[in-house]
Amino acid sequence: MENNNWTLVKRRTADADGAVYVSADGRRYRRTGGEALRAELAFQQMVEKLGYPVPRLLAHGQDADGRVWVVEESLGARSLHDEAVADGGRDLSDTVVDQLAQVSARLLHAQVTHPVAAEPGALQRWVDQAGWTHNVFAENPDLDTARTRGALALAVERLDGLPLVWSHLDYGLPNALRAGVIDWQHHGVGPAGYDVTLALEIIPFKGGAKGYTASPAQRGRYLAALDSAAEAVGVGPVSKHLGDFLLVKSLFFLALMRPADPDAVNKHQKWQYRRHLVEKGIEQYERTGDIDTTSFPTLDEFAAG
C-alpha cells in the first residue's frame, strides 16, 4: 500500500494481535493483525453491505510475513465516550445520550432487517461467546455451579423467539461515534437488542473509573428510544430483556481478569470486584428476573468494604 505517516493510536486488546494507527490528516485508520483481524475484516465487509453503520473499507491486504492490514475511513476523531469525558461533568450530557440513541437505533434497524437463520443451540452458543463462559469458569471454577448455569438457562429460555442478528458483542460509548460503530473484533450472532440495550447499563461495571454516570431519566429515555425503534421494525420492546442481557454481560466483564501474579494487589482487587458484581447480578436475577446496575458499588466502595 502507499506510504503514509501513520501515528500509533493503541495496541489491540484481548485475543486480537496488532495495532491501530491514524493517518496524518486524521481521515483514515490503519489496523494490523493476524487471523482475528482477517475474520473481523470479512465480517465488516459483510455487514457494510447490509447497511450497518460501520466505517467504509478503503483497502486491505497482507504483508510478506502474513500480517493482515486494513485501511478504513474515519467516522470522526472522538467516540461518544471521548465526548463524555471531554464534557468534564460527572453526569452524562443529554446530547451524548441522544446521539447514542440515534446511532443505536440505526444499528438495531440494520440488525433486525437482516436477521440470521436460527439454528439449534444458537442462543447457548451466544451465551458462551458473548459471556466468555469457558474462560470465566476456567478462571473461577467456584462460579461454575448449577445455580449459575440455571440462571443462564433461564435467560436463554426468556430470549427464545427474539430474532438472531449479526452482533458487535462489545458495544458501548467507546465504540459508538455520531457517524457509526467501530471495533468489531468480538463480533458474532446474538439476540436482537443485546448490543444496544446495554450501552448505558454497563457503565457501572467500570467501577466508577469512566468518570461519568447516566441518570435514571437518561437511561429511561434511551431505552424508550430503543423500544420505539424495535417496534418500528416489528420487534417487541427490547428493554424487557435488560436483565437477561446483563446476566451474560456480567460474565463478559469477568473474563480474563484473574491475575497471574499473586502480588498484583490492584489487579486482584479488580478481579474480586468483578466477581462480586457477577454474584450480585445472579442473586438479583434469581429474585426479580432483572439486574439493577445502580445498586452496584464502585470499585472504591468495594475496596473500602
Protein backbone atom coordinates (compact mmCIF):
# COMPACT_ATOMS: atom_id res chain seq x y z
CA MET A 1 0.00 0.00 0.00
CA GLU A 2 1.03 3.65 -0.34
CA ASN A 3 3.41 5.13 2.21
CA ASN A 4 1.68 7.26 4.86
CA ASN A 5 2.66 8.98 8.04
CA TRP A 6 0.74 6.73 10.39
CA THR A 7 0.64 7.51 14.12
CA LEU A 8 0.02 4.75 16.67
CA VAL A 9 -3.35 5.09 18.41
CA LYS A 10 -3.41 1.92 20.50
CA ARG A 11 -2.49 -1.73 20.66
CA ARG A 12 -5.36 -4.11 20.05
CA THR A 13 -6.70 -5.91 23.11
CA ALA A 14 -7.99 -9.27 24.34
CA ASP A 15 -7.39 -12.03 21.76
CA ALA A 16 -6.52 -9.62 18.93
CA ASP A 17 -2.90 -9.19 17.92
CA GLY A 18 -1.89 -5.93 16.27
CA ALA A 19 -2.34 -2.19 16.49
CA VAL A 20 -4.40 0.77 15.27
CA TYR A 21 -2.88 3.80 13.52
CA VAL A 22 -4.31 7.09 12.27
CA SER A 23 -3.20 8.94 9.14
CA ALA A 24 -1.60 12.37 9.34
CA ASP A 25 -4.78 14.06 8.09
CA GLY A 26 -6.97 12.11 10.52
CA ARG A 27 -9.23 10.85 7.73
CA ARG A 28 -8.18 7.19 7.73
CA TYR A 29 -7.31 4.45 10.19
CA ARG A 30 -4.97 1.54 9.55
CA ARG A 31 -5.30 -1.63 11.56
CA THR A 32 -2.88 -4.53 11.63
CA GLY A 33 -3.21 -8.03 12.99
CA GLY A 34 -3.38 -11.73 12.34
CA GLU A 35 -6.19 -14.21 11.89
CA ALA A 36 -8.51 -12.33 14.26
CA LEU A 37 -8.29 -9.23 12.07
CA ARG A 38 -8.81 -11.34 8.94
CA ALA A 39 -12.06 -12.64 10.42
CA GLU A 40 -13.09 -9.15 11.53
CA LEU A 41 -12.42 -7.81 8.02
CA ALA A 42 -14.65 -10.45 6.43
CA PHE A 43 -17.39 -9.73 8.95
CA GLN A 44 -17.19 -5.96 8.45
CA GLN A 45 -17.30 -6.35 4.67
CA MET A 46 -20.49 -8.38 5.06
CA VAL A 47 -22.32 -6.03 7.43
CA GLU A 48 -21.27 -2.95 5.45
CA LYS A 49 -23.22 -4.40 2.51
CA LEU A 50 -26.20 -4.91 4.85
CA GLY A 51 -26.31 -1.21 5.70
CA TYR A 52 -24.73 -1.39 9.15
CA PRO A 53 -23.30 1.96 10.31
CA VAL A 54 -19.66 0.89 10.04
CA PRO A 55 -16.56 2.60 8.58
CA ARG A 56 -16.16 2.29 4.82
CA LEU A 57 -13.32 -0.08 3.96
CA LEU A 58 -10.83 1.59 1.62
CA ALA A 59 -8.11 -1.02 1.20
CA HIS A 60 -6.81 -4.22 2.72
CA GLY A 61 -4.02 -6.67 2.13
CA GLN A 62 -1.33 -8.87 3.58
CA ASP A 63 2.33 -8.19 4.23
CA ALA A 64 5.12 -10.53 3.18
CA ASP A 65 5.18 -12.00 6.69
CA GLY A 66 1.48 -12.83 6.52
CA ARG A 67 0.29 -9.96 8.68
CA VAL A 68 -3.09 -8.53 7.68
CA TRP A 69 -3.67 -4.79 7.30
CA VAL A 70 -6.87 -2.83 6.76
CA VAL A 71 -7.41 0.83 5.92
CA GLU A 72 -10.83 2.34 6.59
CA GLU A 73 -12.38 5.77 6.63
CA SER A 74 -12.55 7.71 9.87
CA LEU A 75 -16.01 8.14 11.38
CA GLY A 76 -14.73 11.03 13.48
CA ALA A 77 -11.97 11.99 15.83
CA ARG A 78 -13.89 11.26 19.04
CA SER A 79 -16.11 8.47 20.27
CA LEU A 80 -19.13 9.30 22.39
CA HIS A 81 -17.05 8.15 25.36
CA ASP A 82 -14.42 10.74 24.43
CA GLU A 83 -17.14 13.38 24.15
CA ALA A 84 -18.49 12.43 27.57
CA VAL A 85 -15.04 12.67 29.16
CA ALA A 86 -14.36 16.00 27.43
CA ASP A 87 -17.57 17.42 28.92
CA GLY A 88 -15.88 17.06 32.29
CA GLY A 89 -19.02 16.55 34.33
CA ARG A 90 -19.93 13.60 36.48
CA ASP A 91 -23.30 13.26 34.73
CA LEU A 92 -23.53 12.40 31.05
CA SER A 93 -24.79 15.25 28.91
CA ASP A 94 -28.19 14.79 27.32
CA THR A 95 -26.53 15.49 23.98
CA VAL A 96 -24.30 12.41 24.30
CA VAL A 97 -27.25 10.25 25.37
CA ASP A 98 -29.38 11.43 22.46
CA GLN A 99 -26.55 10.90 19.96
CA LEU A 100 -26.08 7.40 21.37
CA ALA A 101 -29.80 6.70 20.94
CA GLN A 102 -29.61 7.76 17.29
CA VAL A 103 -26.65 5.59 16.32
CA SER A 104 -28.01 2.68 18.40
CA ALA A 105 -31.36 2.91 16.59
CA ARG A 106 -29.54 2.83 13.25
CA LEU A 107 -27.60 -0.24 14.30
CA LEU A 108 -30.70 -2.00 15.65
CA HIS A 109 -32.63 -1.26 12.45
CA ALA A 110 -29.87 -2.75 10.27
CA GLN A 111 -29.62 -5.80 12.52
CA VAL A 112 -33.32 -6.61 12.68
CA THR A 113 -33.91 -6.08 8.96
CA HIS A 114 -31.20 -8.67 8.20
CA PRO A 115 -31.85 -11.50 10.69
CA VAL A 116 -29.72 -14.63 10.84
CA ALA A 117 -31.35 -18.00 10.37
CA ALA A 118 -31.87 -19.59 13.77
CA GLU A 119 -30.10 -22.91 14.30
CA PRO A 120 -30.46 -25.34 17.21
CA GLY A 121 -28.33 -24.23 20.14
CA ALA A 122 -27.65 -20.77 18.68
CA LEU A 123 -28.61 -18.91 21.85
CA GLN A 124 -26.43 -21.14 24.02
CA ARG A 125 -23.51 -20.56 21.67
CA TRP A 126 -24.13 -16.82 22.02
CA VAL A 127 -24.04 -17.15 25.82
CA ASP A 128 -20.70 -18.93 25.62
CA GLN A 129 -19.20 -16.46 23.14
CA ALA A 130 -20.63 -13.19 24.48
CA GLY A 131 -20.09 -14.21 28.09
CA TRP A 132 -16.69 -15.84 27.52
CA THR A 133 -18.00 -18.59 29.77
CA HIS A 134 -15.21 -21.07 29.07
CA ASN A 135 -12.60 -18.57 30.25
CA VAL A 136 -14.71 -17.28 33.15
CA PHE A 137 -15.40 -20.75 34.51
CA ALA A 138 -11.78 -21.85 33.99
CA GLU A 139 -10.51 -18.86 35.98
CA ASN A 140 -13.36 -19.01 38.52
CA PRO A 141 -14.32 -22.69 38.90
CA ASP A 142 -16.32 -21.95 42.03
CA LEU A 143 -18.76 -19.95 39.87
CA ASP A 144 -19.34 -22.89 37.54
CA THR A 145 -22.30 -24.16 39.52
CA ALA A 146 -25.80 -25.42 38.90
CA ARG A 147 -27.01 -22.07 40.21
CA THR A 148 -25.07 -20.04 37.64
CA ARG A 149 -25.90 -22.35 34.77
CA GLY A 150 -29.54 -22.41 35.84
CA ALA A 151 -29.72 -18.62 35.68
CA LEU A 152 -28.14 -18.65 32.22
CA ALA A 153 -30.57 -21.36 31.08
CA LEU A 154 -33.46 -19.19 32.26
CA ALA A 155 -32.10 -16.25 30.26
CA VAL A 156 -31.88 -18.43 27.15
CA GLU A 157 -35.46 -19.56 27.71
CA ARG A 158 -36.70 -15.99 28.08
CA LEU A 159 -34.84 -14.82 24.98
CA ASP A 160 -36.15 -17.61 22.80
CA GLY A 161 -38.15 -16.09 19.98
CA LEU A 162 -36.13 -12.91 19.58
CA PRO A 163 -34.57 -12.58 16.11
CA LEU A 164 -30.92 -13.57 15.94
CA VAL A 165 -28.76 -10.90 14.31
CA TRP A 166 -25.16 -10.16 13.38
CA SER A 167 -23.85 -8.52 16.54
CA HIS A 168 -20.98 -6.41 17.83
CA LEU A 169 -20.94 -8.10 21.28
CA ASP A 170 -18.83 -5.29 22.83
CA TYR A 171 -20.96 -2.24 22.06
CA GLY A 172 -20.82 0.86 24.26
CA LEU A 173 -19.88 4.52 24.31
CA PRO A 174 -16.18 3.85 23.49
CA ASN A 175 -17.19 2.10 20.24
CA ALA A 176 -20.01 4.46 19.24
CA LEU A 177 -19.47 7.64 17.26
CA ARG A 178 -22.05 10.02 15.88
CA ALA A 179 -21.47 8.58 12.40
CA GLY A 180 -21.40 4.88 13.27
CA VAL A 181 -19.85 1.97 15.16
CA ILE A 182 -16.22 0.80 15.24
CA ASP A 183 -14.15 -2.08 16.70
CA TRP A 184 -15.96 -5.24 15.60
CA GLN A 185 -13.33 -7.70 16.81
CA HIS A 186 -15.75 -9.53 19.15
CA HIS A 187 -18.46 -9.96 16.50
CA GLY A 188 -20.86 -12.88 16.36
CA VAL A 189 -24.53 -13.82 16.34
CA GLY A 190 -26.77 -12.68 19.18
CA PRO A 191 -30.36 -11.85 20.06
CA ALA A 192 -31.71 -8.55 18.74
CA GLY A 193 -31.22 -5.80 21.30
CA TYR A 194 -28.24 -7.29 23.12
CA ASP A 195 -25.76 -4.80 21.68
CA VAL A 196 -27.68 -1.58 22.03
CA THR A 197 -29.78 -2.13 25.15
CA LEU A 198 -26.77 -2.30 27.48
CA ALA A 199 -24.82 0.74 26.27
CA LEU A 200 -25.61 2.84 29.35
CA GLU A 201 -26.23 -0.03 31.76
CA ILE A 202 -22.66 -1.30 31.52
CA ILE A 203 -21.07 1.94 32.76
CA PRO A 204 -21.16 0.77 36.44
CA PHE A 205 -19.10 -2.33 35.55
CA LYS A 206 -16.14 0.01 35.10
CA GLY A 207 -16.22 0.66 38.82
CA GLY A 208 -16.55 4.43 38.61
CA ALA A 209 -13.40 4.75 36.52
CA LYS A 210 -15.18 6.09 33.44
CA GLY A 211 -15.69 9.46 35.09
CA TYR A 212 -19.37 9.77 34.24
CA THR A 213 -22.73 8.21 35.06
CA ALA A 214 -26.11 8.08 33.37
CA SER A 215 -29.09 9.32 35.37
CA PRO A 216 -32.24 7.21 35.72
CA ALA A 217 -34.07 9.69 33.48
CA GLN A 218 -31.41 9.38 30.78
CA ARG A 219 -31.42 5.61 30.95
CA GLY A 220 -35.20 5.56 30.75
CA ARG A 221 -35.24 7.93 27.77
CA TYR A 222 -32.57 5.92 25.97
CA LEU A 223 -34.39 2.61 26.47
CA ALA A 224 -37.67 4.18 25.35
CA ALA A 225 -36.00 5.31 22.12
CA LEU A 226 -34.72 1.79 21.50
CA ASP A 227 -38.11 0.23 22.20
CA SER A 228 -39.64 2.62 19.69
CA ALA A 229 -37.00 1.71 17.10
CA ALA A 230 -37.52 -2.00 17.75
CA GLU A 231 -41.28 -1.79 17.45
CA ALA A 232 -40.91 0.12 14.17
CA VAL A 233 -39.25 -2.95 12.63
CA GLY A 234 -41.63 -5.48 14.13
CA VAL A 235 -39.78 -6.47 17.30
CA GLY A 236 -41.26 -6.09 20.76
CA PRO A 237 -39.68 -3.79 23.34
CA VAL A 238 -36.08 -4.83 23.88
CA SER A 239 -35.86 -3.20 27.31
CA LYS A 240 -37.86 -6.05 28.85
CA HIS A 241 -34.82 -8.28 28.32
CA LEU A 242 -32.42 -5.99 30.14
CA GLY A 243 -31.84 -8.46 32.98
CA ASP A 244 -31.29 -11.38 30.60
CA PHE A 245 -28.71 -9.39 28.65
CA LEU A 246 -26.96 -8.07 31.76
CA LEU A 247 -26.57 -11.55 33.21
CA VAL A 248 -24.47 -12.56 30.20
CA LYS A 249 -22.63 -9.22 30.06
CA SER A 250 -21.57 -9.53 33.70
CA LEU A 251 -19.64 -12.67 32.78
CA PHE A 252 -18.02 -10.85 29.85
CA PHE A 253 -16.63 -8.27 32.25
CA LEU A 254 -15.14 -11.01 34.44
CA ALA A 255 -13.32 -12.71 31.55
CA LEU A 256 -9.51 -12.53 31.51
CA MET A 257 -9.49 -10.78 34.88
CA ARG A 258 -7.72 -13.30 37.14
CA PRO A 259 -4.13 -12.08 37.61
CA ALA A 260 -1.24 -14.45 37.05
CA ASP A 261 0.92 -12.50 39.51
CA PRO A 262 -0.14 -13.19 43.14
CA ASP A 263 1.48 -9.92 44.20
CA ALA A 264 -0.54 -7.73 41.82
CA VAL A 265 -2.76 -6.34 44.58
CA ASN A 266 -4.70 -3.85 42.46
CA LYS A 267 -5.43 -6.44 39.79
CA HIS A 268 -6.59 -8.95 42.39
CA GLN A 269 -8.88 -6.33 43.87
CA LYS A 270 -10.41 -5.57 40.48
CA TRP A 271 -10.87 -9.28 39.80
CA GLN A 272 -12.64 -9.76 43.13
CA TYR A 273 -14.78 -6.71 42.40
CA ARG A 274 -15.96 -8.12 39.08
CA ARG A 275 -16.68 -11.46 40.77
CA HIS A 276 -18.81 -9.59 43.30
CA LEU A 277 -20.83 -7.95 40.52
CA VAL A 278 -21.47 -11.33 38.90
CA GLU A 279 -22.65 -12.84 42.18
CA LYS A 280 -24.79 -9.79 42.98
CA GLY A 281 -26.30 -9.91 39.49
CA ILE A 282 -27.17 -13.60 39.77
CA GLU A 283 -28.84 -13.02 43.14
CA GLN A 284 -30.94 -10.18 41.76
CA TYR A 285 -31.81 -12.09 38.60
CA GLU A 286 -32.99 -15.12 40.56
CA ARG A 287 -35.13 -12.93 42.78
CA THR A 288 -36.62 -10.46 40.30
CA GLY A 289 -35.70 -11.53 36.77
CA ASP A 290 -33.82 -8.26 36.43
CA ILE A 291 -30.46 -6.72 37.40
CA ASP A 292 -30.21 -3.19 38.80
CA THR A 293 -26.77 -1.82 37.98
CA THR A 294 -27.46 1.33 40.01
CA SER A 295 -27.16 -0.86 43.12
CA PHE A 296 -23.60 -1.85 42.22
CA PRO A 297 -20.87 -0.39 44.44
CA THR A 298 -18.00 1.48 42.85
CA LEU A 299 -14.59 -0.15 42.95
CA ASP A 300 -13.52 2.27 45.71
CA GLU A 301 -16.61 1.44 47.78
CA PHE A 302 -15.96 -2.27 47.32
CA ALA A 303 -12.34 -1.86 48.36
CA ALA A 304 -13.30 0.15 51.41
CA GLY A 305 -15.76 -2.54 52.42
